[in-house]
Each structure stands twice: as C-alpha cells, then as structure tokens.
Amino acid sequence: MIKWLTDNGIQCDDSLKKIELLPPYHPELNSIENIWGIFKGKIASKNIGQNMTIVDNLISVCLDEVDNDTWRKTCHHVEEVEEEYKKYFDLDIEFVINLETSDSDTEEYEDSSDEN
C-alpha cells in the first residue's frame, strides 16, 4: 500500500502500516460496509431503475458526499460496537452439561420404546 501511495505521488508516513484483520460476516465492525450501506440506501431511495448511466452518476454523487465527518462518525460507531462486544469477552459464564441420567429419564425412554 505504501508503495502504491508513493508511486502515485501521495505522501504518507511509512510508520503508519497496520494490518487490521476483521472478522468475516460482521459488517458492523467494518466501516466501509457501513459506508456502502449509506450508498445503497441513497441509491435505492431514488428508485432510478437499472439505467447504469444514472446509477454511475448517482454513485459519483454519493462518493462526493462522503466527507471526513461521515468517515469519522462511521469509524466512531464501529469503535462503539467493538467496545460493546468487548464487554462480553471476559464474562465467566457457567455452562453445565449433566451427563447422568435420572430414573425418570430412563423410564420415559423405556416406556416409549415398549410401545413399538
């Protein structure tokens, strides 16, 4: 990424390299998925049909409307969701599986098999 930015004349700090691994199937943890949701909502609200020229123009308009504030709010929302999820990581939840059978369970099973 740094090479592409540099090759295209975009200044960047080489120390900003950070790979972010996002869990699959969790769009609420991925800012770009939220931005695409905004795009889809705006395009769907226009009910423009399938004219690709109009769709292309509307996508360009949507891209122009996504400013730093939109990105900041979207990223902040993802951070809030992450914090909410983190509350559940350290929960000490007791989960018990009873492997013993009681007499009533055995009798119930035997009764139902006797009917066949």
Protein backbone atom coordinates (compact mmCIF):
# COMPACT_ATOMS: atom_id res chain seq x y z
CA MET A 1 0.00 0.00 0.00
CA ILE A 2 2.81 2.39 0.92
CA LYS A 3 4.47 1.69 -2.44
CA TRP A 4 1.23 2.39 -4.32
CA LEU A 5 0.72 5.66 -2.46
CA THR A 6 4.30 6.73 -3.10
CA ASP A 7 4.16 5.69 -6.78
CA ASN A 8 1.03 7.80 -7.18
CA GLY A 9 2.57 10.88 -5.58
CA ILE A 10 0.60 10.61 -2.35
CA GLN A 11 2.65 11.48 0.72
CA CYS A 12 2.34 9.10 3.62
CA ASP A 13 4.20 8.13 6.76
CA ASP A 14 5.87 4.72 6.39
CA SER A 15 5.30 4.02 10.09
CA LEU A 16 1.52 4.04 9.60
CA LYS A 17 1.49 0.45 8.34
CA LYS A 18 -1.05 -1.53 10.28
CA ILE A 19 -2.89 -4.59 9.09
CA GLU A 20 -6.38 -4.78 10.52
CA LEU A 21 -7.94 -8.24 10.47
CA LEU A 22 -11.70 -8.01 10.56
CA PRO A 23 -13.96 -10.91 11.43
CA PRO A 24 -15.92 -12.26 8.46
CA TYR A 25 -19.69 -11.82 8.36
CA HIS A 26 -19.65 -8.87 10.77
CA PRO A 27 -20.27 -5.76 8.66
CA GLU A 28 -21.00 -3.79 11.83
CA LEU A 29 -17.25 -4.00 12.58
CA ASN A 30 -16.16 -2.72 9.17
CA SER A 31 -16.52 0.99 8.41
CA ILE A 32 -16.53 0.54 4.63
CA GLU A 33 -19.51 -1.81 4.91
CA ASN A 34 -21.38 0.94 6.74
CA ILE A 35 -20.43 3.44 4.02
CA TRP A 36 -21.70 1.02 1.34
CA GLY A 37 -24.92 0.76 3.32
CA ILE A 38 -25.29 4.54 3.16
CA PHE A 39 -24.66 4.43 -0.62
CA LYS A 40 -27.19 1.65 -1.17
CA GLY A 41 -29.79 3.49 0.88
CA LYS A 42 -29.35 6.71 -1.09
CA ILE A 43 -29.42 4.93 -4.45
CA ALA A 44 -32.46 2.84 -3.51
CA SER A 45 -34.32 5.92 -2.28
CA LYS A 46 -34.03 7.48 -5.75
CA ASN A 47 -35.74 4.46 -7.37
CA ILE A 48 -33.84 5.04 -10.62
CA GLY A 49 -34.26 1.60 -12.13
CA GLN A 50 -31.39 -0.16 -13.85
CA ASN A 51 -30.10 2.59 -16.13
CA MET A 52 -26.37 2.16 -15.49
CA THR A 53 -25.50 5.68 -16.62
CA ILE A 54 -27.81 7.15 -13.98
CA VAL A 55 -26.59 4.64 -11.36
CA ASP A 56 -22.97 5.55 -12.18
CA ASN A 57 -23.72 9.27 -11.84
CA LEU A 58 -25.51 8.72 -8.54
CA ILE A 59 -22.57 6.69 -7.21
CA SER A 60 -20.27 9.59 -8.09
CA VAL A 61 -22.57 11.98 -6.23
CA CYS A 62 -22.58 9.67 -3.20
CA LEU A 63 -18.77 9.47 -3.27
CA ASP A 64 -18.57 13.25 -3.29
CA GLU A 65 -20.93 13.44 -0.31
CA VAL A 66 -18.80 11.15 1.88
CA ASP A 67 -16.59 13.62 3.67
CA ASN A 68 -14.20 13.38 6.61
CA ASP A 69 -17.06 13.90 9.06
CA THR A 70 -19.00 10.94 7.62
CA TRP A 71 -15.93 8.71 7.89
CA ARG A 72 -15.21 9.94 11.42
CA LYS A 73 -18.78 9.20 12.55
CA THR A 74 -18.76 5.78 10.87
CA CYS A 75 -15.43 4.82 12.46
CA HIS A 76 -16.65 6.09 15.84
CA HIS A 77 -19.77 3.93 15.53
CA VAL A 78 -17.61 0.85 14.78
CA GLU A 79 -15.48 1.63 17.84
CA GLU A 80 -18.63 1.82 19.98
CA VAL A 81 -19.77 -1.57 18.68
CA GLU A 82 -16.31 -3.02 19.41
CA GLU A 83 -16.46 -1.72 22.98
CA GLU A 84 -19.91 -3.24 23.43
CA TYR A 85 -18.62 -6.62 22.18
CA LYS A 86 -15.57 -6.44 24.46
CA LYS A 87 -17.88 -6.34 27.48
CA TYR A 88 -18.77 -9.96 26.76
CA PHE A 89 -15.24 -11.32 26.17
CA ASP A 90 -14.31 -11.74 29.82
CA LEU A 91 -17.62 -12.97 31.14
CA ASP A 92 -17.31 -16.04 33.31
CA ILE A 93 -20.39 -17.91 32.20
CA GLU A 94 -21.06 -21.24 33.85
CA PHE A 95 -22.14 -23.86 31.36
CA VAL A 96 -23.08 -27.24 32.83
CA ILE A 97 -23.95 -30.38 30.91
CA ASN A 98 -25.48 -33.09 33.04
CA LEU A 99 -24.32 -36.46 31.70
CA GLU A 100 -26.08 -38.51 34.36
CA THR A 101 -29.50 -39.91 33.64
CA SER A 102 -32.22 -39.97 36.21
CA ASP A 103 -34.62 -42.86 36.69
CA SER A 104 -37.47 -40.83 35.23
CA ASP A 105 -35.49 -40.22 32.03
CA THR A 106 -34.71 -43.92 31.72
CA GLU A 107 -38.27 -44.96 32.45
CA GLU A 108 -39.62 -42.46 29.94
CA TYR A 109 -37.28 -43.83 27.26
CA GLU A 110 -38.18 -47.44 28.08
CA ASP A 111 -41.91 -46.65 28.03
CA SER A 112 -41.73 -45.09 24.59
CA SER A 113 -39.67 -48.00 23.20
CA ASP A 114 -42.14 -50.53 24.64
CA GLU A 115 -44.89 -49.01 22.53
CA ASN A 116 -43.15 -50.02 19.29
